[in-house]
Protein backbone atom coordinates (compact mmCIF):
# COMPACT_ATOMS: atom_id res chain seq x y z
CA MET A 1 46.06 -0.63 -11.13
CA THR A 2 46.98 -0.96 -7.47
CA GLN A 3 47.59 2.79 -7.28
CA LEU A 4 44.18 3.40 -8.87
CA PHE A 5 42.46 1.30 -6.21
CA LYS A 6 44.32 2.96 -3.35
CA HIS A 7 43.95 6.52 -4.66
CA HIS A 8 40.17 6.24 -5.08
CA ASP A 9 39.56 3.98 -2.07
CA LEU A 10 38.14 1.22 -4.28
CA LYS A 11 37.34 -2.14 -2.73
CA VAL A 12 38.22 -4.93 -5.15
CA LEU A 13 35.48 -7.57 -5.35
CA PHE A 14 36.85 -9.73 -8.18
CA THR A 15 39.73 -9.60 -10.62
CA THR A 16 41.03 -11.86 -13.37
CA GLY A 17 43.22 -11.55 -16.41
CA PHE A 18 45.51 -13.31 -18.86
CA CYS A 19 48.05 -12.45 -21.52
CA PHE A 20 47.86 -14.24 -24.85
CA GLU A 21 50.99 -12.49 -26.14
CA GLU A 22 53.61 -10.33 -24.49
CA ASN A 23 52.00 -6.96 -23.74
CA ARG A 24 48.61 -8.13 -25.09
CA CYS A 25 46.49 -8.83 -22.05
CA ILE A 26 42.88 -8.84 -20.98
CA TYR A 27 42.12 -7.67 -17.47
CA GLU A 28 38.74 -7.59 -15.77
CA VAL A 29 38.00 -6.10 -12.37
CA TYR A 30 34.90 -5.46 -10.32
CA PHE A 31 35.10 -3.06 -7.41
CA SER A 32 32.87 -1.11 -5.07
CA ALA A 33 33.28 2.45 -3.88
CA ASP A 34 31.43 5.16 -2.04
CA ASP A 35 30.55 8.18 -4.20
CA ILE A 36 31.36 6.27 -7.41
CA ARG A 37 29.57 8.85 -9.59
CA THR A 38 31.82 11.60 -8.23
CA LYS A 39 34.97 9.50 -8.72
CA GLU A 40 34.00 8.20 -12.17
CA PRO A 41 35.67 10.88 -14.37
CA ASP A 42 39.00 10.61 -12.54
CA ILE A 43 38.88 6.80 -12.57
CA ARG A 44 38.23 6.84 -16.32
CA ARG A 45 41.14 9.25 -16.90
CA THR A 46 43.46 7.08 -14.83
CA ILE A 47 42.46 3.89 -16.65
CA ASN A 48 42.81 5.53 -20.06
CA SER A 49 46.32 6.75 -19.19
CA ILE A 50 47.65 3.20 -18.68
CA PRO A 51 50.59 2.75 -21.10
CA GLY A 52 49.80 0.34 -23.92
CA LEU A 53 46.05 0.35 -23.25
CA TYR A 54 44.18 -0.42 -26.44
CA GLU A 55 40.60 -0.28 -25.23
CA SER A 56 38.71 -0.05 -21.95
CA GLU A 57 35.14 -0.37 -20.76
CA PHE A 58 33.79 1.14 -17.57
CA GLU A 59 30.26 0.48 -16.42
CA ILE A 60 28.57 1.28 -13.13
CA LEU A 61 26.33 -1.52 -11.86
CA GLU A 62 23.95 -0.55 -9.09
CA ILE A 63 22.12 -2.80 -6.66
CA GLY A 64 18.42 -2.88 -7.44
CA GLN A 65 18.99 -1.90 -11.08
CA GLU A 66 18.86 -4.30 -14.02
CA TRP A 67 22.33 -5.13 -15.39
């Protein structure tokens, strides 16, 4: 994940996670980035290529928009 943040110049706002079994973890991260719409496809590809990933969610939250 660190490489993802560096490669796309993402600013981490909040992160948390825990593992309830070995290799079965939940990870949540909120970040900000300039040109997020342009970076979105590559970020999604990078996240989905994480070994052992079962499922991921990616949502863009914008200031001034209802979440």
